[in-house]
Amino acid sequence: MPEVVVEGAKVHYAMRPGGRRQVVFLHGGFGSSSELWTRTMEAMPPEYSGYAIDNFLRSDPPPGGYSVPEFARRVGGFIAALGLQKPVLVGHSMGGVTVQLAAITYPDRVGGLVLVCTGPAMTNHDLARRWLQELRANGHELVTIRDISRNWFHRPVPDFFEGYVQRAATAPLEAMIAVQASLIDTDLRSRLPEVRVPALVVYGKHDSGRTIEHAQALLRGIRQSELATMHESGHSPMIETPKEFDAAFHRFLEGLPWQRAVSGLSIEQGEGR
């Protein structure tokens, strides 16, 4: 995998070469990695190049430590370091919060957002707080990582799930704890109107962590937003229901200003569009 230096820190990433249109992918928390996006990048139309950043594995810590704001700074620096031209940012869970903040902080560097099973805040999210307690108490134990990771899937994909758990168990525990605490403290609801690019909000109907209320908060706050519901998916539709996810994702890409607008078959128009 290639790497680039951002603010003095080595940043590892996976890449799918393609055309001049660019997509940058951000994984979630709890030791996740670029492998989350391998299949999605491979399935993109040939005119798109994909870049999936690693934040916990293989990369150096951000200069200011592990937090959502630091990861957002990393995204902005990554785009600049590689000379990317207004890529679409795709973020899952914690990565979705990161790309929201990146779009707010670097409005001239971002061309669109795909927000997968995420939201602008974790107010009243008791599960997130319980998972943080479990990490602090027993996060070095594989059984803890496995138990937490089960929440990411409505129907776990066996081969992917076991690989995910094994990779997550190698991530720095202090990094996972710090980012989870930062995520709980982050509230972007009042800043969502600052997002000036189109956004696709992807919601998994069986997601126990990020409910429809989280998706609706994004739709209310982001003016150019639309909803894609994955009816058979939990927290990770790009893995659980890949065909449905790709259909919504690709139609969103086709409808961005750089292409002729195309109406989506499975995309439900959001409150802000």
C-alpha atoms as a PDB file:
ATOM      1  CA  MET A   1       0.000   0.000   0.000  1.00  0.00           C
ATOM      2  CA  PRO A   2       1.231   3.559  -0.681  1.00  0.00           C
ATOM      3  CA  GLU A   3       1.777   6.232   1.938  1.00  0.00           C
ATOM      4  CA  VAL A   4       2.057  10.019   2.112  1.00  0.00           C
ATOM      5  CA  VAL A   5       3.341  12.424   4.764  1.00  0.00           C
ATOM      6  CA  VAL A   6       0.723  14.782   6.219  1.00  0.00           C
ATOM      7  CA  GLU A   7       1.875  17.319   8.811  1.00  0.00           C
ATOM      8  CA  GLY A   8       4.976  15.254   9.481  1.00  0.00           C
ATOM      9  CA  ALA A   9       3.059  11.994  10.030  1.00  0.00           C
ATOM     10  CA  LYS A  10       3.099   8.995   7.715  1.00  0.00           C
ATOM     11  CA  VAL A  11      -0.391   8.196   6.435  1.00  0.00           C
ATOM     12  CA  HIS A  12      -0.967   4.781   4.912  1.00  0.00           C
ATOM     13  CA  TYR A  13      -3.751   4.277   2.382  1.00  0.00           C
ATOM     14  CA  ALA A  14      -5.147   1.788  -0.091  1.00  0.00           C
ATOM     15  CA  MET A  15      -5.710   2.897  -3.668  1.00  0.00           C
ATOM     16  CA  ARG A  16      -7.808   1.770  -6.630  1.00  0.00           C
ATOM     17  CA  PRO A  17      -6.423   3.492  -9.757  1.00  0.00           C
ATOM     18  CA  GLY A  18      -8.980   4.806 -12.192  1.00  0.00           C
ATOM     19  CA  GLY A  19      -9.992   7.966 -13.967  1.00  0.00           C
ATOM     20  CA  ARG A  20      -9.706  11.615 -12.992  1.00  0.00           C
ATOM     21  CA  ARG A  21     -12.716  11.645 -10.668  1.00  0.00           C
ATOM     22  CA  GLN A  22     -11.676  10.887  -7.119  1.00  0.00           C
ATOM     23  CA  VAL A  23     -13.228   9.386  -3.994  1.00  0.00           C
ATOM     24  CA  VAL A  24     -11.615   9.315  -0.545  1.00  0.00           C
ATOM     25  CA  PHE A  25     -12.885   6.730   1.950  1.00  0.00           C
ATOM     26  CA  LEU A  26     -12.757   6.950   5.755  1.00  0.00           C
ATOM     27  CA  HIS A  27     -13.303   3.931   7.988  1.00  0.00           C
ATOM     28  CA  GLY A  28     -14.987   4.013  11.396  1.00  0.00           C
ATOM     29  CA  GLY A  29     -13.629   3.624  14.910  1.00  0.00           C
ATOM     30  CA  PHE A  30     -12.704   0.656  17.104  1.00  0.00           C
ATOM     31  CA  GLY A  31      -9.602  -0.259  15.113  1.00  0.00           C
ATOM     32  CA  SER A  32     -11.230  -0.351  11.702  1.00  0.00           C
ATOM     33  CA  SER A  33      -9.067  -0.006   8.601  1.00  0.00           C
ATOM     34  CA  SER A  34      -9.010   0.580   4.855  1.00  0.00           C
ATOM     35  CA  GLU A  35      -9.986  -3.056   4.257  1.00  0.00           C
ATOM     36  CA  LEU A  36     -13.558  -1.976   5.004  1.00  0.00           C
ATOM     37  CA  TRP A  37     -13.613  -0.303   1.575  1.00  0.00           C
ATOM     38  CA  THR A  38     -11.703  -2.810  -0.577  1.00  0.00           C
ATOM     39  CA  ARG A  39     -14.790  -4.272  -2.252  1.00  0.00           C
ATOM     40  CA  THR A  40     -16.500  -0.899  -2.645  1.00  0.00           C
ATOM     41  CA  MET A  41     -13.474   0.648  -4.348  1.00  0.00           C
ATOM     42  CA  GLU A  42     -13.084  -2.296  -6.714  1.00  0.00           C
ATOM     43  CA  ALA A  43     -16.750  -1.977  -7.744  1.00  0.00           C
ATOM     44  CA  MET A  44     -16.561   1.732  -8.627  1.00  0.00           C
ATOM     45  CA  PRO A  45     -16.978   2.753 -12.266  1.00  0.00           C
ATOM     46  CA  PRO A  46     -13.629   2.964 -14.104  1.00  0.00           C
ATOM     47  CA  GLU A  47     -13.667   6.749 -14.325  1.00  0.00           C
ATOM     48  CA  TYR A  48     -13.167   6.983 -10.531  1.00  0.00           C
ATOM     49  CA  SER A  49      -9.956   6.607  -8.537  1.00  0.00           C
ATOM     50  CA  GLY A  50     -10.333   5.529  -4.909  1.00  0.00           C
ATOM     51  CA  TYR A  51      -8.217   6.285  -1.842  1.00  0.00           C
ATOM     52  CA  ALA A  52      -8.951   4.641   1.528  1.00  0.00           C
ATOM     53  CA  ILE A  53      -7.058   6.131   4.469  1.00  0.00           C
ATOM     54  CA  ASP A  54      -5.821   4.038   7.392  1.00  0.00           C
ATOM     55  CA  ASN A  55      -6.012   5.868  10.714  1.00  0.00           C
ATOM     56  CA  PHE A  56      -5.421   3.173  13.337  1.00  0.00           C
ATOM     57  CA  LEU A  57      -3.306   0.623  11.482  1.00  0.00           C
ATOM     58  CA  ARG A  58      -0.064   1.251   9.565  1.00  0.00           C
ATOM     59  CA  SER A  59      -0.206   5.072   9.897  1.00  0.00           C
ATOM     60  CA  ASP A  60       1.483   7.350  12.417  1.00  0.00           C
ATOM     61  CA  PRO A  61      -0.644   9.109  15.048  1.00  0.00           C
ATOM     62  CA  PRO A  62      -1.883  12.561  14.038  1.00  0.00           C
ATOM     63  CA  PRO A  63       0.382  15.306  15.443  1.00  0.00           C
ATOM     64  CA  GLY A  64      -2.310  16.470  17.875  1.00  0.00           C
ATOM     65  CA  GLY A  65      -3.279  12.979  19.011  1.00  0.00           C
ATOM     66  CA  TYR A  66      -6.195  10.726  18.149  1.00  0.00           C
ATOM     67  CA  SER A  67      -9.466  12.647  17.830  1.00  0.00           C
ATOM     68  CA  VAL A  68     -12.190  13.469  15.327  1.00  0.00           C
ATOM     69  CA  PRO A  69     -10.845  17.013  14.693  1.00  0.00           C
ATOM     70  CA  GLU A  70      -7.338  15.642  14.096  1.00  0.00           C
ATOM     71  CA  PHE A  71      -8.637  13.053  11.653  1.00  0.00           C
ATOM     72  CA  ALA A  72     -10.526  15.828   9.826  1.00  0.00           C
ATOM     73  CA  ARG A  73      -7.268  17.828   9.601  1.00  0.00           C
ATOM     74  CA  ARG A  74      -5.634  14.702   8.219  1.00  0.00           C
ATOM     75  CA  VAL A  75      -8.288  14.438   5.489  1.00  0.00           C
ATOM     76  CA  GLY A  76      -7.716  18.051   4.447  1.00  0.00           C
ATOM     77  CA  GLY A  77      -3.959  17.546   4.421  1.00  0.00           C
ATOM     78  CA  PHE A  78      -4.260  14.250   2.550  1.00  0.00           C
ATOM     79  CA  ILE A  79      -6.268  15.903  -0.230  1.00  0.00           C
ATOM     80  CA  ALA A  80      -3.701  18.688  -0.509  1.00  0.00           C
ATOM     81  CA  ALA A  81      -0.667  16.382  -0.344  1.00  0.00           C
ATOM     82  CA  LEU A  82      -1.915  14.189  -3.197  1.00  0.00           C
ATOM     83  CA  GLY A  83      -3.218  17.122  -5.220  1.00  0.00           C
ATOM     84  CA  LEU A  84      -6.742  15.711  -5.379  1.00  0.00           C
ATOM     85  CA  GLN A  85      -9.379  17.858  -7.065  1.00  0.00           C
ATOM     86  CA  LYS A  86     -12.491  18.141  -4.896  1.00  0.00           C
ATOM     87  CA  PRO A  87     -12.923  14.428  -4.233  1.00  0.00           C
ATOM     88  CA  VAL A  88     -16.100  12.923  -2.856  1.00  0.00           C
ATOM     89  CA  LEU A  89     -15.566  11.949   0.783  1.00  0.00           C
ATOM     90  CA  VAL A  90     -17.172   8.695   1.934  1.00  0.00           C
ATOM     91  CA  GLY A  91     -17.224   8.113   5.682  1.00  0.00           C
ATOM     92  CA  HIS A  92     -18.556   5.214   7.736  1.00  0.00           C
ATOM     93  CA  SER A  93     -19.670   5.720  11.351  1.00  0.00           C
ATOM     94  CA  MET A  94     -16.857   7.698  13.047  1.00  0.00           C
ATOM     95  CA  GLY A  95     -15.432   8.303   9.581  1.00  0.00           C
ATOM     96  CA  GLY A  96     -18.750   9.883   8.642  1.00  0.00           C
ATOM     97  CA  VAL A  97     -18.398  12.419  11.447  1.00  0.00           C
ATOM     98  CA  THR A  98     -14.826  13.053  10.333  1.00  0.00           C
ATOM     99  CA  VAL A  99     -15.804  13.852   6.750  1.00  0.00           C
ATOM    100  CA  GLN A 100     -18.644  16.120   7.916  1.00  0.00           C
ATOM    101  CA  LEU A 101     -16.091  18.176   9.828  1.00  0.00           C
ATOM    102  CA  ALA A 102     -13.628  18.047   6.927  1.00  0.00           C
ATOM    103  CA  ALA A 103     -16.273  19.434   4.559  1.00  0.00           C
ATOM    104  CA  ILE A 104     -17.008  22.248   7.025  1.00  0.00           C
ATOM    105  CA  THR A 105     -13.333  23.044   7.632  1.00  0.00           C
ATOM    106  CA  TYR A 106     -12.120  22.720   4.026  1.00  0.00           C
ATOM    107  CA  PRO A 107     -15.108  23.698   1.867  1.00  0.00           C
ATOM    108  CA  ASP A 108     -12.946  24.354  -1.198  1.00  0.00           C
ATOM    109  CA  ARG A 109     -11.366  20.878  -1.126  1.00  0.00           C
ATOM    110  CA  VAL A 110     -14.492  18.680  -1.092  1.00  0.00           C
ATOM    111  CA  GLY A 111     -16.878  17.816  -3.932  1.00  0.00           C
ATOM    112  CA  GLY A 112     -19.510  15.749  -2.125  1.00  0.00           C
ATOM    113  CA  LEU A 113     -20.229  13.571   0.905  1.00  0.00           C
ATOM    114  CA  VAL A 114     -21.473  10.019   1.400  1.00  0.00           C
ATOM    115  CA  LEU A 115     -22.371   9.568   5.066  1.00  0.00           C
ATOM    116  CA  VAL A 116     -22.767   5.885   5.913  1.00  0.00           C
ATOM    117  CA  CYS A 117     -24.521   4.891   9.140  1.00  0.00           C
ATOM    118  CA  THR A 118     -23.470   7.981  11.012  1.00  0.00           C
ATOM    119  CA  GLY A 119     -24.803  11.238  12.430  1.00  0.00           C
ATOM    120  CA  PRO A 120     -23.739  14.687  13.589  1.00  0.00           C
ATOM    121  CA  ALA A 121     -23.830  13.922  17.340  1.00  0.00           C
ATOM    122  CA  MET A 122     -24.063  11.057  19.832  1.00  0.00           C
ATOM    123  CA  THR A 123     -26.374  12.733  22.352  1.00  0.00           C
ATOM    124  CA  ASN A 124     -28.214  10.076  24.399  1.00  0.00           C
ATOM    125  CA  HIS A 125     -26.219   7.336  22.660  1.00  0.00           C
ATOM    126  CA  ASP A 126     -25.919   4.992  25.648  1.00  0.00           C
ATOM    127  CA  LEU A 127     -24.412   2.174  23.577  1.00  0.00           C
ATOM    128  CA  ALA A 128     -21.441   4.354  22.618  1.00  0.00           C
ATOM    129  CA  ARG A 129     -20.743   5.115  26.257  1.00  0.00           C
ATOM    130  CA  ARG A 130     -21.021   1.466  27.236  1.00  0.00           C
ATOM    131  CA  TRP A 131     -18.607   0.461  24.485  1.00  0.00           C
ATOM    132  CA  LEU A 132     -16.145   3.076  25.716  1.00  0.00           C
ATOM    133  CA  GLN A 133     -16.362   1.628  29.231  1.00  0.00           C
ATOM    134  CA  GLU A 134     -15.755  -1.869  27.854  1.00  0.00           C
ATOM    135  CA  LEU A 135     -12.707  -0.685  25.935  1.00  0.00           C
ATOM    136  CA  ARG A 136     -11.277   0.981  29.020  1.00  0.00           C
ATOM    137  CA  ALA A 137     -11.872  -2.085  31.160  1.00  0.00           C
ATOM    138  CA  ASN A 138     -11.087  -4.976  28.816  1.00  0.00           C
ATOM    139  CA  GLY A 139     -10.113  -3.570  25.433  1.00  0.00           C
ATOM    140  CA  HIS A 140      -6.921  -5.592  25.210  1.00  0.00           C
ATOM    141  CA  GLU A 141      -8.926  -8.842  25.187  1.00  0.00           C
ATOM    142  CA  LEU A 142      -9.942 -10.326  21.837  1.00  0.00           C
ATOM    143  CA  VAL A 143     -13.351 -11.329  23.180  1.00  0.00           C
ATOM    144  CA  THR A 144     -14.134  -7.662  23.930  1.00  0.00           C
ATOM    145  CA  ILE A 145     -13.196  -6.552  20.430  1.00  0.00           C
ATOM    146  CA  ARG A 146     -15.294  -9.362  18.962  1.00  0.00           C
ATOM    147  CA  ASP A 147     -18.322  -8.544  21.126  1.00  0.00           C
ATOM    148  CA  ILE A 148     -18.213  -4.849  20.232  1.00  0.00           C
ATOM    149  CA  SER A 149     -17.621  -5.593  16.541  1.00  0.00           C
ATOM    150  CA  ARG A 150     -20.741  -7.775  16.345  1.00  0.00           C
ATOM    151  CA  ASN A 151     -22.759  -4.582  16.664  1.00  0.00           C
ATOM    152  CA  TRP A 152     -21.488  -3.456  13.259  1.00  0.00           C
ATOM    153  CA  PHE A 153     -23.425  -6.162  11.406  1.00  0.00           C
ATOM    154  CA  HIS A 154     -27.052  -7.273  11.243  1.00  0.00           C
ATOM    155  CA  ARG A 155     -25.918 -10.541   9.659  1.00  0.00           C
ATOM    156  CA  PRO A 156     -22.122 -10.845  10.000  1.00  0.00           C
ATOM    157  CA  VAL A 157     -20.251 -11.883   6.867  1.00  0.00           C
ATOM    158  CA  PRO A 158     -18.103 -14.670   8.369  1.00  0.00           C
ATOM    159  CA  ASP A 159     -14.857 -14.280   6.418  1.00  0.00           C
ATOM    160  CA  PHE A 160     -14.870 -10.498   6.567  1.00  0.00           C
ATOM    161  CA  PHE A 161     -15.950 -10.371  10.210  1.00  0.00           C
ATOM    162  CA  GLU A 162     -13.164 -12.579  11.534  1.00  0.00           C
ATOM    163  CA  GLY A 163     -10.571 -10.663   9.543  1.00  0.00           C
ATOM    164  CA  TYR A 164     -12.010  -7.398  10.827  1.00  0.00           C
ATOM    165  CA  VAL A 165     -11.760  -8.577  14.457  1.00  0.00           C
ATOM    166  CA  GLN A 166      -8.188  -9.794  14.044  1.00  0.00           C
ATOM    167  CA  ARG A 167      -7.093  -6.493  12.476  1.00  0.00           C
ATOM    168  CA  ALA A 168      -8.916  -4.400  15.091  1.00  0.00           C
ATOM    169  CA  ALA A 169      -7.191  -6.302  17.872  1.00  0.00           C
ATOM    170  CA  THR A 170      -3.821  -5.044  16.603  1.00  0.00           C
ATOM    171  CA  ALA A 171      -4.825  -1.366  16.731  1.00  0.00           C
ATOM    172  CA  PRO A 172      -3.435   0.766  19.578  1.00  0.00           C
ATOM    173  CA  LEU A 173      -5.910   0.522  22.444  1.00  0.00           C
ATOM    174  CA  GLU A 174      -5.211   4.071  23.597  1.00  0.00           C
ATOM    175  CA  ALA A 175      -6.074   5.306  20.093  1.00  0.00           C
ATOM    176  CA  MET A 176      -9.433   3.509  20.039  1.00  0.00           C
ATOM    177  CA  ILE A 177     -10.306   4.857  23.493  1.00  0.00           C
ATOM    178  CA  ALA A 178      -9.263   8.432  22.666  1.00  0.00           C
ATOM    179  CA  VAL A 179     -11.225   8.522  19.404  1.00  0.00           C
ATOM    180  CA  GLN A 180     -14.341   7.027  20.969  1.00  0.00           C
ATOM    181  CA  ALA A 181     -14.237   9.630  23.737  1.00  0.00           C
ATOM    182  CA  SER A 182     -13.738  12.382  21.145  1.00  0.00           C
ATOM    183  CA  LEU A 183     -16.640  11.052  19.087  1.00  0.00           C
ATOM    184  CA  ILE A 184     -18.965  11.156  22.097  1.00  0.00           C
ATOM    185  CA  ASP A 185     -17.913  14.766  22.761  1.00  0.00           C
ATOM    186  CA  THR A 186     -18.396  15.898  19.141  1.00  0.00           C
ATOM    187  CA  ASP A 187     -21.629  17.673  18.217  1.00  0.00           C
ATOM    188  CA  LEU A 188     -21.860  19.103  14.691  1.00  0.00           C
ATOM    189  CA  ARG A 189     -25.600  19.714  14.557  1.00  0.00           C
ATOM    190  CA  SER A 190     -25.340  23.501  14.654  1.00  0.00           C
ATOM    191  CA  ARG A 191     -22.632  23.466  11.970  1.00  0.00           C
ATOM    192  CA  LEU A 192     -24.320  21.254   9.390  1.00  0.00           C
ATOM    193  CA  PRO A 193     -25.680  24.242   7.411  1.00  0.00           C
ATOM    194  CA  GLU A 194     -22.013  25.032   6.667  1.00  0.00           C
ATOM    195  CA  VAL A 195     -21.824  21.913   4.484  1.00  0.00           C
ATOM    196  CA  ARG A 196     -22.109  23.331   0.960  1.00  0.00           C
ATOM    197  CA  VAL A 197     -21.836  20.158  -1.120  1.00  0.00           C
ATOM    198  CA  PRO A 198     -24.375  17.444  -1.981  1.00  0.00           C
ATOM    199  CA  ALA A 199     -24.593  14.632   0.562  1.00  0.00           C
ATOM    200  CA  LEU A 200     -25.958  11.101   0.400  1.00  0.00           C
ATOM    201  CA  VAL A 201     -27.060   9.821   3.813  1.00  0.00           C
ATOM    202  CA  VAL A 202     -27.030   6.010   3.961  1.00  0.00           C
ATOM    203  CA  TYR A 203     -29.086   4.416   6.726  1.00  0.00           C
ATOM    204  CA  GLY A 204     -29.154   0.723   7.652  1.00  0.00           C
ATOM    205  CA  LYS A 205     -32.640  -0.200   8.828  1.00  0.00           C
ATOM    206  CA  HIS A 206     -31.271  -2.729  11.355  1.00  0.00           C
ATOM    207  CA  ASP A 207     -28.503  -0.463  12.661  1.00  0.00           C
ATOM    208  CA  SER A 208     -28.697  -0.519  16.465  1.00  0.00           C
ATOM    209  CA  GLY A 209     -26.003   2.126  16.901  1.00  0.00           C
ATOM    210  CA  ARG A 210     -26.981   4.802  14.385  1.00  0.00           C
ATOM    211  CA  THR A 211     -30.756   4.969  14.186  1.00  0.00           C
ATOM    212  CA  ILE A 212     -33.044   6.806  11.778  1.00  0.00           C
ATOM    213  CA  GLU A 213     -32.961   9.802  14.145  1.00  0.00           C
ATOM    214  CA  HIS A 214     -29.257  10.211  13.391  1.00  0.00           C
ATOM    215  CA  ALA A 215     -29.925  10.120   9.655  1.00  0.00           C
ATOM    216  CA  GLN A 216     -32.794  12.581   9.991  1.00  0.00           C
ATOM    217  CA  ALA A 217     -30.561  15.032  11.875  1.00  0.00           C
ATOM    218  CA  LEU A 218     -28.183  15.014   8.894  1.00  0.00           C
ATOM    219  CA  LEU A 219     -31.037  15.522   6.441  1.00  0.00           C
ATOM    220  CA  ARG A 220     -32.402  18.447   8.424  1.00  0.00           C
ATOM    221  CA  GLY A 221     -29.031  20.127   8.697  1.00  0.00           C
ATOM    222  CA  ILE A 222     -27.478  19.620   5.252  1.00  0.00           C
ATOM    223  CA  ARG A 223     -29.349  21.538   2.581  1.00  0.00           C
ATOM    224  CA  GLN A 224     -28.383  19.348  -0.396  1.00  0.00           C
ATOM    225  CA  SER A 225     -29.012  15.967   1.187  1.00  0.00           C
ATOM    226  CA  GLU A 226     -30.853  12.796   0.251  1.00  0.00           C
ATOM    227  CA  LEU A 227     -31.508   9.493   1.994  1.00  0.00           C
ATOM    228  CA  ALA A 228     -30.775   5.940   0.863  1.00  0.00           C
ATOM    229  CA  THR A 229     -32.249   3.280   3.151  1.00  0.00           C
ATOM    230  CA  MET A 230     -30.645  -0.162   3.162  1.00  0.00           C
ATOM    231  CA  HIS A 231     -33.607  -2.264   4.287  1.00  0.00           C
ATOM    232  CA  GLU A 232     -31.707  -5.512   4.981  1.00  0.00           C
ATOM    233  CA  SER A 233     -28.582  -4.023   6.485  1.00  0.00           C
ATOM    234  CA  GLY A 234     -27.230  -3.152   9.884  1.00  0.00           C
ATOM    235  CA  HIS A 235     -24.332  -0.794  10.534  1.00  0.00           C
ATOM    236  CA  SER A 236     -22.164  -1.825   7.560  1.00  0.00           C
ATOM    237  CA  PRO A 237     -24.224  -1.853   4.330  1.00  0.00           C
ATOM    238  CA  MET A 238     -21.145  -1.726   2.086  1.00  0.00           C
ATOM    239  CA  ILE A 239     -20.372  -5.237   3.385  1.00  0.00           C
ATOM    240  CA  GLU A 240     -23.826  -6.599   4.265  1.00  0.00           C
ATOM    241  CA  THR A 241     -25.860  -5.455   1.255  1.00  0.00           C
ATOM    242  CA  PRO A 242     -23.206  -4.537  -1.328  1.00  0.00           C
ATOM    243  CA  LYS A 243     -25.451  -4.475  -4.411  1.00  0.00           C
ATOM    244  CA  GLU A 244     -27.949  -2.120  -2.811  1.00  0.00           C
ATOM    245  CA  PHE A 245     -25.195   0.064  -1.421  1.00  0.00           C
ATOM    246  CA  ASP A 246     -23.370   0.278  -4.749  1.00  0.00           C
ATOM    247  CA  ALA A 247     -26.589   1.144  -6.596  1.00  0.00           C
ATOM    248  CA  ALA A 248     -27.257   4.121  -4.317  1.00  0.00           C
ATOM    249  CA  PHE A 249     -23.605   5.175  -4.175  1.00  0.00           C
ATOM    250  CA  HIS A 250     -23.057   5.056  -7.948  1.00  0.00           C
ATOM    251  CA  ARG A 251     -26.281   6.914  -8.725  1.00  0.00           C
ATOM    252  CA  PHE A 252     -25.257   9.633  -6.290  1.00  0.00           C
ATOM    253  CA  LEU A 253     -21.891   9.962  -8.031  1.00  0.00           C
ATOM    254  CA  GLU A 254     -23.600  10.170 -11.414  1.00  0.00           C
ATOM    255  CA  GLY A 255     -25.869  12.962 -10.170  1.00  0.00           C
ATOM    256  CA  LEU A 256     -23.084  15.247  -8.956  1.00  0.00           C
ATOM    257  CA  PRO A 257     -22.403  18.470 -10.907  1.00  0.00           C
ATOM    258  CA  TRP A 258     -19.609  16.886 -12.927  1.00  0.00           C
ATOM    259  CA  GLN A 259     -22.150  14.576 -14.588  1.00  0.00           C
ATOM    260  CA  ARG A 260     -25.622  14.841 -16.017  1.00  0.00           C
ATOM    261  CA  ALA A 261     -28.203  14.630 -13.216  1.00  0.00           C
ATOM    262  CA  VAL A 262     -29.777  11.192 -13.015  1.00  0.00           C
ATOM    263  CA  SER A 263     -32.784  10.324 -10.854  1.00  0.00           C
ATOM    264  CA  GLY A 264     -32.065   7.489  -8.390  1.00  0.00           C
ATOM    265  CA  LEU A 265     -34.238   4.396  -8.328  1.00  0.00           C
ATOM    266  CA  SER A 266     -33.606   3.527  -4.678  1.00  0.00           C
ATOM    267  CA  ILE A 267     -32.734   6.952  -3.320  1.00  0.00           C
ATOM    268  CA  GLU A 268     -35.367   8.723  -1.288  1.00  0.00           C
ATOM    269  CA  GLN A 269     -35.201  12.510  -1.407  1.00  0.00           C
ATOM    270  CA  GLY A 270     -34.197  14.046   1.915  1.00  0.00           C
ATOM    271  CA  GLU A 271     -35.823  16.917   3.731  1.00  0.00           C
ATOM    272  CA  GLY A 272     -33.112  19.333   2.649  1.00  0.00           C
ATOM    273  CA  ARG A 273     -33.201  18.838  -1.110  1.00  0.00           C
END
